[in-house]
């Protein structure tokens, strides 16, 4: 759909989600923008099930749906391809097993236009496969501020965002969407979000519930595969180095220090349970990255207890975590 007046493009990466895809697409169609105002760009990332065919069927029925089929390249490259194929003034990312609330898009695009925003963060909830809201495992939730006051991206990082670096929770300008996702890594959102925020001049939030995030088995972070768990550890260490790099661009480094602390806690906990024999190499890498002592910024009470012990002795912390595993 070629139209320079398109307000919004919704990018949907697709990979083997035939059980969820129709619900996702239907939710994108059940909106209060006209077909002339927005497009849905479906990127079939080499699916081997019926996902590609389902996408094609919808594209034949709706003029504002476009399908791109490509060889499997991963989530980051699918999103990058979607941006390249899109035409809207603003961009949203929706994962193909998630879905939107009905009739929410006009509120988002209106706010982007009226407030001349670069980024708008909206609210979300976790749901199970029956659509039942899933509460967080811990009562003690990490900090996030949904104030609708407009600020720059660095202020938003330090005072509003919390640790929720999910690309699917934002509407962004087309210009910012040119900042590409890093290919071949888990936690690509946590790498992408600060880069986008550091370029943004006008950012705010709306507490409007827009997005339903599906909590299902078999996701990357819940995988039982030892190989994937090892990659999670490796990519978290990579993320720490990236966050440290981004922090050099910022006068106020609180958010970056809090993200490093959260990620280091995750790394040391995972190493203790999955890769304990390599604990000394990981500790050496942490010291090389100069992550100690860990900041307390944005940490929950639960994480603060872990931080205290890690700052006392990261080696002791991993030993105790390893013993608890057994």
C-alpha atoms as a PDB file:
ATOM      1  CA  UNK A   1       0.000   0.000   0.000  1.00  0.00           C
ATOM      2  CA  UNK A   2       1.851   3.096  -1.224  1.00  0.00           C
ATOM      3  CA  UNK A   3       0.616   6.268   0.404  1.00  0.00           C
ATOM      4  CA  UNK A   4       2.770   9.143   1.629  1.00  0.00           C
ATOM      5  CA  UNK A   5      -0.079  10.308   3.898  1.00  0.00           C
ATOM      6  CA  UNK A   6      -0.185   7.072   5.904  1.00  0.00           C
ATOM      7  CA  UNK A   7      -0.197   7.928   9.595  1.00  0.00           C
ATOM      8  CA  UNK A   8       0.915   4.602  11.048  1.00  0.00           C
ATOM      9  CA  UNK A   9       2.714   1.417  10.039  1.00  0.00           C
ATOM     10  CA  UNK A  10       2.465  -1.643  12.275  1.00  0.00           C
ATOM     11  CA  UNK A  11       5.376  -4.062  11.830  1.00  0.00           C
ATOM     12  CA  UNK A  12       4.614  -7.705  12.683  1.00  0.00           C
ATOM     13  CA  UNK A  13       7.485 -10.232  12.496  1.00  0.00           C
ATOM     14  CA  UNK A  14       6.140 -13.766  11.969  1.00  0.00           C
ATOM     15  CA  UNK A  15       7.801 -17.108  12.623  1.00  0.00           C
ATOM     16  CA  UNK A  16       5.829 -20.346  13.120  1.00  0.00           C
ATOM     17  CA  UNK A  17       2.900 -18.824  15.004  1.00  0.00           C
ATOM     18  CA  UNK A  18      -0.053 -20.316  13.104  1.00  0.00           C
ATOM     19  CA  UNK A  19      -1.959 -20.876  16.368  1.00  0.00           C
ATOM     20  CA  UNK A  20      -1.788 -17.180  17.325  1.00  0.00           C
ATOM     21  CA  UNK A  21      -1.457 -15.170  14.128  1.00  0.00           C
ATOM     22  CA  UNK A  22      -5.122 -14.715  13.224  1.00  0.00           C
ATOM     23  CA  UNK A  23      -5.949 -13.331  16.673  1.00  0.00           C
ATOM     24  CA  UNK A  24      -3.077 -10.880  16.360  1.00  0.00           C
ATOM     25  CA  UNK A  25      -4.083  -9.670  12.902  1.00  0.00           C
ATOM     26  CA  UNK A  26      -7.778  -9.452  13.796  1.00  0.00           C
ATOM     27  CA  UNK A  27      -6.875  -7.196  16.736  1.00  0.00           C
ATOM     28  CA  UNK A  28      -4.932  -4.918  14.386  1.00  0.00           C
ATOM     29  CA  UNK A  29      -7.931  -4.690  12.076  1.00  0.00           C
ATOM     30  CA  UNK A  30     -10.358  -3.955  14.910  1.00  0.00           C
ATOM     31  CA  UNK A  31      -9.194  -0.356  15.259  1.00  0.00           C
ATOM     32  CA  UNK A  32     -10.569   3.168  14.917  1.00  0.00           C
ATOM     33  CA  UNK A  33      -8.329   4.235  12.046  1.00  0.00           C
ATOM     34  CA  UNK A  34      -9.445   3.844   8.439  1.00  0.00           C
ATOM     35  CA  UNK A  35      -7.625   1.543   6.032  1.00  0.00           C
ATOM     36  CA  UNK A  36      -6.290   4.673   4.313  1.00  0.00           C
ATOM     37  CA  UNK A  37      -4.680   5.866   7.556  1.00  0.00           C
ATOM     38  CA  UNK A  38      -2.610   2.846   8.573  1.00  0.00           C
ATOM     39  CA  UNK A  39      -0.962  -0.266   7.216  1.00  0.00           C
ATOM     40  CA  UNK A  40      -0.058  -3.655   8.652  1.00  0.00           C
ATOM     41  CA  UNK A  41       3.290  -4.993   7.415  1.00  0.00           C
ATOM     42  CA  UNK A  42       3.610  -8.743   8.008  1.00  0.00           C
ATOM     43  CA  UNK A  43       7.160 -10.095   7.736  1.00  0.00           C
ATOM     44  CA  UNK A  44       7.137 -13.865   7.313  1.00  0.00           C
ATOM     45  CA  UNK A  45      10.604 -14.754   8.571  1.00  0.00           C
ATOM     46  CA  UNK A  46      10.924 -18.147   6.898  1.00  0.00           C
ATOM     47  CA  UNK A  47       8.024 -19.852   8.684  1.00  0.00           C
ATOM     48  CA  UNK A  48       7.741 -23.595   8.100  1.00  0.00           C
ATOM     49  CA  UNK A  49       4.138 -23.883   9.307  1.00  0.00           C
ATOM     50  CA  UNK A  50       0.989 -22.252   7.862  1.00  0.00           C
ATOM     51  CA  UNK A  51       1.853 -18.756   9.139  1.00  0.00           C
ATOM     52  CA  UNK A  52       2.925 -17.454   5.725  1.00  0.00           C
ATOM     53  CA  UNK A  53      -0.250 -18.730   4.087  1.00  0.00           C
ATOM     54  CA  UNK A  54      -2.425 -17.171   6.796  1.00  0.00           C
ATOM     55  CA  UNK A  55      -0.670 -13.841   6.246  1.00  0.00           C
ATOM     56  CA  UNK A  56      -1.224 -14.053   2.474  1.00  0.00           C
ATOM     57  CA  UNK A  57      -4.919 -14.821   2.982  1.00  0.00           C
ATOM     58  CA  UNK A  58      -5.366 -11.648   5.039  1.00  0.00           C
ATOM     59  CA  UNK A  59      -3.427  -9.573   2.515  1.00  0.00           C
ATOM     60  CA  UNK A  60      -5.815 -10.716  -0.232  1.00  0.00           C
ATOM     61  CA  UNK A  61      -8.804  -9.545   1.823  1.00  0.00           C
ATOM     62  CA  UNK A  62      -7.522  -6.204   3.172  1.00  0.00           C
ATOM     63  CA  UNK A  63      -5.902  -3.439   1.126  1.00  0.00           C
ATOM     64  CA  UNK A  64      -3.884  -2.115   4.083  1.00  0.00           C
ATOM     65  CA  UNK A  65      -2.091  -5.423   4.752  1.00  0.00           C
ATOM     66  CA  UNK A  66       1.253  -6.125   3.097  1.00  0.00           C
ATOM     67  CA  UNK A  67       3.197  -9.412   3.353  1.00  0.00           C
ATOM     68  CA  UNK A  68       6.923  -9.873   2.875  1.00  0.00           C
ATOM     69  CA  UNK A  69       8.362 -13.408   2.791  1.00  0.00           C
ATOM     70  CA  UNK A  70      12.055 -13.783   3.585  1.00  0.00           C
ATOM     71  CA  UNK A  71      14.517 -16.460   4.619  1.00  0.00           C
ATOM     72  CA  UNK A  72      14.754 -16.913   8.361  1.00  0.00           C
ATOM     73  CA  UNK A  73      16.978 -14.160   9.762  1.00  0.00           C
ATOM     74  CA  UNK A  74      15.635 -13.660  13.286  1.00  0.00           C
ATOM     75  CA  UNK A  75      13.437 -11.121  15.056  1.00  0.00           C
ATOM     76  CA  UNK A  76      15.785  -8.164  14.673  1.00  0.00           C
ATOM     77  CA  UNK A  77      16.183  -8.535  10.924  1.00  0.00           C
ATOM     78  CA  UNK A  78      12.443  -9.122  10.488  1.00  0.00           C
ATOM     79  CA  UNK A  79      11.733  -5.836  12.278  1.00  0.00           C
ATOM     80  CA  UNK A  80      14.404  -4.039  10.255  1.00  0.00           C
ATOM     81  CA  UNK A  81      12.893  -5.418   7.043  1.00  0.00           C
ATOM     82  CA  UNK A  82       9.442  -4.293   8.137  1.00  0.00           C
ATOM     83  CA  UNK A  83      10.602  -0.724   8.669  1.00  0.00           C
ATOM     84  CA  UNK A  84      12.233  -0.726   5.228  1.00  0.00           C
ATOM     85  CA  UNK A  85       8.956  -1.906   3.648  1.00  0.00           C
ATOM     86  CA  UNK A  86       6.730   0.542   5.546  1.00  0.00           C
ATOM     87  CA  UNK A  87       5.421   3.984   4.602  1.00  0.00           C
ATOM     88  CA  UNK A  88       3.828   5.442   7.741  1.00  0.00           C
ATOM     89  CA  UNK A  89       4.768   8.637   9.567  1.00  0.00           C
ATOM     90  CA  UNK A  90       4.844   6.620  12.780  1.00  0.00           C
ATOM     91  CA  UNK A  91       5.901   3.048  13.513  1.00  0.00           C
ATOM     92  CA  UNK A  92       4.694   0.390  15.954  1.00  0.00           C
ATOM     93  CA  UNK A  93       6.033  -3.122  16.497  1.00  0.00           C
ATOM     94  CA  UNK A  94       3.652  -5.920  17.442  1.00  0.00           C
ATOM     95  CA  UNK A  95       4.826  -9.479  18.082  1.00  0.00           C
ATOM     96  CA  UNK A  96       2.770 -12.052  16.205  1.00  0.00           C
ATOM     97  CA  UNK A  97       1.592 -13.981  19.271  1.00  0.00           C
ATOM     98  CA  UNK A  98       0.425 -10.807  21.048  1.00  0.00           C
ATOM     99  CA  UNK A  99      -2.609  -8.641  20.318  1.00  0.00           C
ATOM    100  CA  UNK A 100      -3.977  -5.133  20.831  1.00  0.00           C
ATOM    101  CA  UNK A 101      -7.033  -3.878  22.648  1.00  0.00           C
ATOM    102  CA  UNK A 102      -9.783  -2.751  20.245  1.00  0.00           C
ATOM    103  CA  UNK A 103     -10.012   0.860  19.055  1.00  0.00           C
ATOM    104  CA  UNK A 104      -6.864   2.230  20.675  1.00  0.00           C
ATOM    105  CA  UNK A 105      -4.743   3.351  17.727  1.00  0.00           C
ATOM    106  CA  UNK A 106      -6.429   6.720  17.096  1.00  0.00           C
ATOM    107  CA  UNK A 107      -5.713   7.858  20.653  1.00  0.00           C
ATOM    108  CA  UNK A 108      -2.052   7.019  20.143  1.00  0.00           C
ATOM    109  CA  UNK A 109      -1.632   8.706  16.772  1.00  0.00           C
ATOM    110  CA  UNK A 110      -3.635  11.760  17.868  1.00  0.00           C
ATOM    111  CA  UNK A 111      -1.344  12.209  20.869  1.00  0.00           C
ATOM    112  CA  UNK A 112       1.758  11.791  18.704  1.00  0.00           C
ATOM    113  CA  UNK A 113       0.484  14.541  16.380  1.00  0.00           C
ATOM    114  CA  UNK A 114      -0.925  16.996  18.940  1.00  0.00           C
ATOM    115  CA  UNK A 115       2.049  16.804  21.307  1.00  0.00           C
ATOM    116  CA  UNK A 116       4.580  16.591  18.438  1.00  0.00           C
ATOM    117  CA  UNK A 117       6.137  13.524  20.011  1.00  0.00           C
ATOM    118  CA  UNK A 118       9.117  11.470  18.965  1.00  0.00           C
ATOM    119  CA  UNK A 119       8.116   8.546  21.207  1.00  0.00           C
ATOM    120  CA  UNK A 120       4.925   7.576  23.044  1.00  0.00           C
ATOM    121  CA  UNK A 121       5.002   4.739  25.573  1.00  0.00           C
ATOM    122  CA  UNK A 122       1.659   3.037  26.310  1.00  0.00           C
ATOM    123  CA  UNK A 123       0.519   0.517  28.904  1.00  0.00           C
ATOM    124  CA  UNK A 124       0.320  -3.251  28.562  1.00  0.00           C
ATOM    125  CA  UNK A 125      -0.668  -6.363  30.449  1.00  0.00           C
ATOM    126  CA  UNK A 126       0.502  -9.973  30.488  1.00  0.00           C
ATOM    127  CA  UNK A 127      -2.099 -12.562  29.482  1.00  0.00           C
ATOM    128  CA  UNK A 128      -2.156 -16.334  29.205  1.00  0.00           C
ATOM    129  CA  UNK A 129      -3.374 -18.283  26.184  1.00  0.00           C
ATOM    130  CA  UNK A 130      -6.970 -18.028  27.417  1.00  0.00           C
ATOM    131  CA  UNK A 131      -6.741 -14.246  27.636  1.00  0.00           C
ATOM    132  CA  UNK A 132      -6.656 -14.236  31.440  1.00  0.00           C
ATOM    133  CA  UNK A 133      -4.464 -11.490  32.904  1.00  0.00           C
ATOM    134  CA  UNK A 134      -1.289 -12.894  34.440  1.00  0.00           C
ATOM    135  CA  UNK A 135      -0.034 -11.022  37.472  1.00  0.00           C
ATOM    136  CA  UNK A 136       3.720 -10.578  37.981  1.00  0.00           C
ATOM    137  CA  UNK A 137       5.447 -13.336  39.933  1.00  0.00           C
ATOM    138  CA  UNK A 138       6.658 -10.826  42.490  1.00  0.00           C
ATOM    139  CA  UNK A 139       4.399  -8.350  44.276  1.00  0.00           C
ATOM    140  CA  UNK A 140       7.384  -6.000  44.431  1.00  0.00           C
ATOM    141  CA  UNK A 141       7.325  -4.497  40.928  1.00  0.00           C
ATOM    142  CA  UNK A 142      10.100  -2.481  39.351  1.00  0.00           C
ATOM    143  CA  UNK A 143       9.648   1.279  39.081  1.00  0.00           C
ATOM    144  CA  UNK A 144       7.864   2.792  36.060  1.00  0.00           C
ATOM    145  CA  UNK A 145       6.217   6.221  35.788  1.00  0.00           C
ATOM    146  CA  UNK A 146       3.370   6.768  33.288  1.00  0.00           C
ATOM    147  CA  UNK A 147       3.266  10.541  33.710  1.00  0.00           C
ATOM    148  CA  UNK A 148       2.043  12.310  30.553  1.00  0.00           C
ATOM    149  CA  UNK A 149       4.471  15.198  30.961  1.00  0.00           C
ATOM    150  CA  UNK A 150       6.670  15.587  27.877  1.00  0.00           C
ATOM    151  CA  UNK A 151      10.433  15.340  28.400  1.00  0.00           C
ATOM    152  CA  UNK A 152      13.526  14.433  26.417  1.00  0.00           C
ATOM    153  CA  UNK A 153      14.635  10.832  25.969  1.00  0.00           C
ATOM    154  CA  UNK A 154      17.426  10.886  28.557  1.00  0.00           C
ATOM    155  CA  UNK A 155      15.091  12.279  31.214  1.00  0.00           C
ATOM    156  CA  UNK A 156      12.547   9.624  30.261  1.00  0.00           C
ATOM    157  CA  UNK A 157      15.156   6.895  30.718  1.00  0.00           C
ATOM    158  CA  UNK A 158      16.277   8.159  34.097  1.00  0.00           C
ATOM    159  CA  UNK A 159      12.928   9.119  35.607  1.00  0.00           C
ATOM    160  CA  UNK A 160      10.115   7.296  33.809  1.00  0.00           C
ATOM    161  CA  UNK A 161      10.995   4.129  31.912  1.00  0.00           C
ATOM    162  CA  UNK A 162      12.023   1.612  34.548  1.00  0.00           C
ATOM    163  CA  UNK A 163      13.549  -1.572  33.161  1.00  0.00           C
ATOM    164  CA  UNK A 164      10.782  -2.286  30.620  1.00  0.00           C
ATOM    165  CA  UNK A 165      12.735  -2.021  27.375  1.00  0.00           C
ATOM    166  CA  UNK A 166      10.127  -3.533  25.085  1.00  0.00           C
ATOM    167  CA  UNK A 167      10.030  -2.193  21.532  1.00  0.00           C
ATOM    168  CA  UNK A 168       6.370  -3.219  21.351  1.00  0.00           C
ATOM    169  CA  UNK A 169       5.419  -0.672  24.029  1.00  0.00           C
ATOM    170  CA  UNK A 170       6.149   2.424  21.933  1.00  0.00           C
ATOM    171  CA  UNK A 171       4.935   4.425  18.973  1.00  0.00           C
ATOM    172  CA  UNK A 172       7.930   6.167  17.384  1.00  0.00           C
ATOM    173  CA  UNK A 173       8.582   8.509  14.489  1.00  0.00           C
ATOM    174  CA  UNK A 174       9.707   7.140  11.172  1.00  0.00           C
ATOM    175  CA  UNK A 175      13.047   8.918  11.595  1.00  0.00           C
ATOM    176  CA  UNK A 176      13.808   7.135  14.876  1.00  0.00           C
ATOM    177  CA  UNK A 177      12.694   3.829  13.376  1.00  0.00           C
ATOM    178  CA  UNK A 178      15.752   3.994  11.125  1.00  0.00           C
ATOM    179  CA  UNK A 179      17.817   3.005  14.170  1.00  0.00           C
ATOM    180  CA  UNK A 180      18.227  -0.686  13.468  1.00  0.00           C
ATOM    181  CA  UNK A 181      17.886  -3.642  15.797  1.00  0.00           C
ATOM    182  CA  UNK A 182      21.124  -5.566  16.347  1.00  0.00           C
ATOM    183  CA  UNK A 183      20.988  -8.918  14.579  1.00  0.00           C
ATOM    184  CA  UNK A 184      21.672 -12.295  16.162  1.00  0.00           C
ATOM    185  CA  UNK A 185      21.269 -11.306  19.818  1.00  0.00           C
ATOM    186  CA  UNK A 186      18.705 -11.923  22.510  1.00  0.00           C
ATOM    187  CA  UNK A 187      17.640  -8.821  24.479  1.00  0.00           C
ATOM    188  CA  UNK A 188      17.736  -6.783  21.281  1.00  0.00           C
ATOM    189  CA  UNK A 189      15.048  -4.499  22.752  1.00  0.00           C
ATOM    190  CA  UNK A 190      17.251  -3.576  25.722  1.00  0.00           C
ATOM    191  CA  UNK A 191      19.999  -2.638  23.259  1.00  0.00           C
ATOM    192  CA  UNK A 192      17.676  -0.728  20.915  1.00  0.00           C
ATOM    193  CA  UNK A 193      15.606   1.276  23.413  1.00  0.00           C
ATOM    194  CA  UNK A 194      18.394   3.425  24.938  1.00  0.00           C
ATOM    195  CA  UNK A 195      19.801   4.183  21.479  1.00  0.00           C
ATOM    196  CA  UNK A 196      16.407   5.442  20.360  1.00  0.00           C
ATOM    197  CA  UNK A 197      15.791   7.372  23.579  1.00  0.00           C
ATOM    198  CA  UNK A 198      19.136   9.159  23.409  1.00  0.00           C
ATOM    199  CA  UNK A 199      18.079  10.585  20.026  1.00  0.00           C
ATOM    200  CA  UNK A 200      14.567  11.605  21.107  1.00  0.00           C
ATOM    201  CA  UNK A 201      13.652  15.183  22.057  1.00  0.00           C
ATOM    202  CA  UNK A 202       9.971  14.766  22.988  1.00  0.00           C
ATOM    203  CA  UNK A 203       8.842  11.631  24.837  1.00  0.00           C
ATOM    204  CA  UNK A 204       5.920  10.843  27.106  1.00  0.00           C
ATOM    205  CA  UNK A 205       3.556   8.090  28.227  1.00  0.00           C
ATOM    206  CA  UNK A 206      -0.117   7.302  28.230  1.00  0.00           C
ATOM    207  CA  UNK A 207      -1.582   4.968  30.825  1.00  0.00           C
ATOM    208  CA  UNK A 208      -4.041   3.699  28.196  1.00  0.00           C
ATOM    209  CA  UNK A 209      -4.045  -0.105  28.103  1.00  0.00           C
ATOM    210  CA  UNK A 210      -3.110  -0.951  24.519  1.00  0.00           C
ATOM    211  CA  UNK A 211      -1.093  -4.157  24.371  1.00  0.00           C
ATOM    212  CA  UNK A 212      -1.645  -7.747  25.483  1.00  0.00           C
ATOM    213  CA  UNK A 213       1.618  -9.641  25.883  1.00  0.00           C
ATOM    214  CA  UNK A 214       1.139 -13.409  25.676  1.00  0.00           C
ATOM    215  CA  UNK A 215       3.012 -15.405  28.310  1.00  0.00           C
ATOM    216  CA  UNK A 216       3.490 -18.857  26.800  1.00  0.00           C
ATOM    217  CA  UNK A 217       5.837 -21.799  27.151  1.00  0.00           C
ATOM    218  CA  UNK A 218       8.727 -22.116  24.733  1.00  0.00           C
ATOM    219  CA  UNK A 219       9.750 -18.465  24.746  1.00  0.00           C
ATOM    220  CA  UNK A 220      13.448 -17.589  24.499  1.00  0.00           C
ATOM    221  CA  UNK A 221      13.950 -16.687  28.135  1.00  0.00           C
ATOM    222  CA  UNK A 222      12.048 -19.732  29.438  1.00  0.00           C
ATOM    223  CA  UNK A 223      13.751 -22.266  27.186  1.00  0.00           C
ATOM    224  CA  UNK A 224      15.091 -25.378  28.921  1.00  0.00           C
ATOM    225  CA  UNK A 225      17.777 -25.906  26.263  1.00  0.00           C
ATOM    226  CA  UNK A 226      21.249 -25.615  27.817  1.00  0.00           C
ATOM    227  CA  UNK A 227      22.578 -24.174  24.560  1.00  0.00           C
ATOM    228  CA  UNK A 228      19.995 -21.393  24.615  1.00  0.00           C
ATOM    229  CA  UNK A 229      20.585 -20.753  28.310  1.00  0.00           C
ATOM    230  CA  UNK A 230      24.284 -20.358  27.571  1.00  0.00           C
ATOM    231  CA  UNK A 231      23.507 -17.918  24.766  1.00  0.00           C
ATOM    232  CA  UNK A 232      21.295 -15.964  27.179  1.00  0.00           C
ATOM    233  CA  UNK A 233      24.299 -15.610  29.504  1.00  0.00           C
ATOM    234  CA  UNK A 234      26.639 -14.620  26.667  1.00  0.00           C
ATOM    235  CA  UNK A 235      24.199 -12.073  25.281  1.00  0.00           C
ATOM    236  CA  UNK A 236      23.552 -10.551  28.712  1.00  0.00           C
ATOM    237  CA  UNK A 237      27.306 -10.001  29.062  1.00  0.00           C
ATOM    238  CA  UNK A 238      27.279  -8.419  25.592  1.00  0.00           C
ATOM    239  CA  UNK A 239      24.342  -6.224  26.695  1.00  0.00           C
ATOM    240  CA  UNK A 240      26.242  -5.038  29.774  1.00  0.00           C
ATOM    241  CA  UNK A 241      29.115  -3.864  27.572  1.00  0.00           C
ATOM    242  CA  UNK A 242      26.639  -2.094  25.259  1.00  0.00           C
ATOM    243  CA  UNK A 243      24.848  -0.318  28.110  1.00  0.00           C
ATOM    244  CA  UNK A 244      28.200   0.806  29.521  1.00  0.00           C
ATOM    245  CA  UNK A 245      29.070   2.165  26.071  1.00  0.00           C
ATOM    246  CA  UNK A 246      25.786   4.087  25.769  1.00  0.00           C
ATOM    247  CA  UNK A 247      26.234   5.534  29.264  1.00  0.00           C
ATOM    248  CA  UNK A 248      29.309   7.429  28.080  1.00  0.00           C
ATOM    249  CA  UNK A 249      26.987   9.613  25.979  1.00  0.00           C
ATOM    250  CA  UNK A 250      24.845  10.600  28.979  1.00  0.00           C
ATOM    251  CA  UNK A 251      25.465  13.194  31.684  1.00  0.00           C
ATOM    252  CA  UNK A 252      22.927  11.472  33.945  1.00  0.00           C
ATOM    253  CA  UNK A 253      23.819   7.778  34.089  1.00  0.00           C
ATOM    254  CA  UNK A 254      21.317   6.492  36.683  1.00  0.00           C
ATOM    255  CA  UNK A 255      19.225   4.391  34.305  1.00  0.00           C
ATOM    256  CA  UNK A 256      22.273   2.849  32.666  1.00  0.00           C
ATOM    257  CA  UNK A 257      23.775   1.954  36.037  1.00  0.00           C
ATOM    258  CA  UNK A 258      20.465   0.415  37.145  1.00  0.00           C
ATOM    259  CA  UNK A 259      20.200  -1.620  33.952  1.00  0.00           C
ATOM    260  CA  UNK A 260      23.767  -2.853  34.378  1.00  0.00           C
ATOM    261  CA  UNK A 261      22.994  -3.896  37.961  1.00  0.00           C
ATOM    262  CA  UNK A 262      19.833  -5.758  36.936  1.00  0.00           C
ATOM    263  CA  UNK A 263      21.660  -7.513  34.119  1.00  0.00           C
ATOM    264  CA  UNK A 264      24.682  -8.454  36.231  1.00  0.00           C
ATOM    265  CA  UNK A 265      22.379  -9.990  38.845  1.00  0.00           C
ATOM    266  CA  UNK A 266      20.801 -12.047  36.059  1.00  0.00           C
ATOM    267  CA  UNK A 267      24.176 -13.132  34.692  1.00  0.00           C
ATOM    268  CA  UNK A 268      25.607 -14.251  38.027  1.00  0.00           C
ATOM    269  CA  UNK A 269      22.407 -16.076  38.946  1.00  0.00           C
ATOM    270  CA  UNK A 270      22.333 -17.892  35.598  1.00  0.00           C
ATOM    271  CA  UNK A 271      26.018 -18.798  35.733  1.00  0.00           C
ATOM    272  CA  UNK A 272      25.555 -20.257  39.206  1.00  0.00           C
ATOM    273  CA  UNK A 273      22.757 -22.494  37.943  1.00  0.00           C
ATOM    274  CA  UNK A 274      23.801 -23.280  34.363  1.00  0.00           C
ATOM    275  CA  UNK A 275      27.543 -22.677  33.920  1.00  0.00           C
ATOM    276  CA  UNK A 276      29.069 -22.846  37.401  1.00  0.00           C
ATOM    277  CA  UNK A 277      32.343 -24.374  36.220  1.00  0.00           C
ATOM    278  CA  UNK A 278      33.068 -21.163  34.279  1.00  0.00           C
ATOM    279  CA  UNK A 279      32.276 -18.800  37.153  1.00  0.00           C
ATOM    280  CA  UNK A 280      35.834 -17.436  37.455  1.00  0.00           C
ATOM    281  CA  UNK A 281      35.984 -16.491  33.775  1.00  0.00           C
ATOM    282  CA  UNK A 282      32.657 -14.687  34.093  1.00  0.00           C
ATOM    283  CA  UNK A 283      33.782 -12.887  37.240  1.00  0.00           C
ATOM    284  CA  UNK A 284      36.939 -11.785  35.453  1.00  0.00           C
ATOM    285  CA  UNK A 285      34.808 -10.402  32.609  1.00  0.00           C
ATOM    286  CA  UNK A 286      32.579  -8.539  35.080  1.00  0.00           C
ATOM    287  CA  UNK A 287      35.633  -6.939  36.660  1.00  0.00           C
ATOM    288  CA  UNK A 288      36.973  -6.053  33.210  1.00  0.00           C
ATOM    289  CA  UNK A 289      33.675  -4.305  32.503  1.00  0.00           C
ATOM    290  CA  UNK A 290      33.968  -2.487  35.858  1.00  0.00           C
ATOM    291  CA  UNK A 291      30.433  -3.275  36.987  1.00  0.00           C
ATOM    292  CA  UNK A 292      31.152  -3.447  40.739  1.00  0.00           C
ATOM    293  CA  UNK A 293      29.850  -2.129  43.032  1.00  0.00           C
ATOM    294  CA  UNK A 294      26.352  -2.488  41.616  1.00  0.00           C
ATOM    295  CA  UNK A 295      24.010   0.486  41.699  1.00  0.00           C
ATOM    296  CA  UNK A 296      20.739   0.300  43.627  1.00  0.00           C
ATOM    297  CA  UNK A 297      18.828   2.420  41.096  1.00  0.00           C
ATOM    298  CA  UNK A 298      15.479   0.943  39.950  1.00  0.00           C
ATOM    299  CA  UNK A 299      16.073  -2.317  41.838  1.00  0.00           C
ATOM    300  CA  UNK A 300      13.170  -4.031  43.553  1.00  0.00           C
ATOM    301  CA  UNK A 301      13.474  -5.017  47.220  1.00  0.00           C
ATOM    302  CA  UNK A 302      14.065  -8.584  46.055  1.00  0.00           C
ATOM    303  CA  UNK A 303      16.895  -7.489  43.764  1.00  0.00           C
ATOM    304  CA  UNK A 304      18.333  -5.173  46.412  1.00  0.00           C
ATOM    305  CA  UNK A 305      18.972  -8.160  48.678  1.00  0.00           C
ATOM    306  CA  UNK A 306      20.858  -9.873  45.866  1.00  0.00           C
ATOM    307  CA  UNK A 307      22.779  -6.680  45.149  1.00  0.00           C
ATOM    308  CA  UNK A 308      23.896  -6.429  48.777  1.00  0.00           C
ATOM    309  CA  UNK A 309      25.355  -9.920  48.727  1.00  0.00           C
ATOM    310  CA  UNK A 310      26.952  -9.493  45.286  1.00  0.00           C
ATOM    311  CA  UNK A 311      28.633  -6.256  46.337  1.00  0.00           C
ATOM    312  CA  UNK A 312      29.877  -8.066  49.441  1.00  0.00           C
ATOM    313  CA  UNK A 313      31.191 -11.044  47.453  1.00  0.00           C
ATOM    314  CA  UNK A 314      30.019 -12.034  43.954  1.00  0.00           C
ATOM    315  CA  UNK A 315      31.841 -15.347  44.351  1.00  0.00           C
ATOM    316  CA  UNK A 316      29.940 -16.126  47.564  1.00  0.00           C
ATOM    317  CA  UNK A 317      26.670 -15.097  45.901  1.00  0.00           C
ATOM    318  CA  UNK A 318      27.194 -17.561  43.051  1.00  0.00           C
ATOM    319  CA  UNK A 319      28.238 -20.315  45.462  1.00  0.00           C
ATOM    320  CA  UNK A 320      25.021 -19.893  47.464  1.00  0.00           C
ATOM    321  CA  UNK A 321      22.903 -19.774  44.327  1.00  0.00           C
ATOM    322  CA  UNK A 322      24.598 -22.936  43.093  1.00  0.00           C
ATOM    323  CA  UNK A 323      23.928 -24.706  46.396  1.00  0.00           C
ATOM    324  CA  UNK A 324      20.283 -23.598  46.348  1.00  0.00           C
ATOM    325  CA  UNK A 325      19.935 -25.116  42.886  1.00  0.00           C
ATOM    326  CA  UNK A 326      20.957 -28.504  44.293  1.00  0.00           C
END
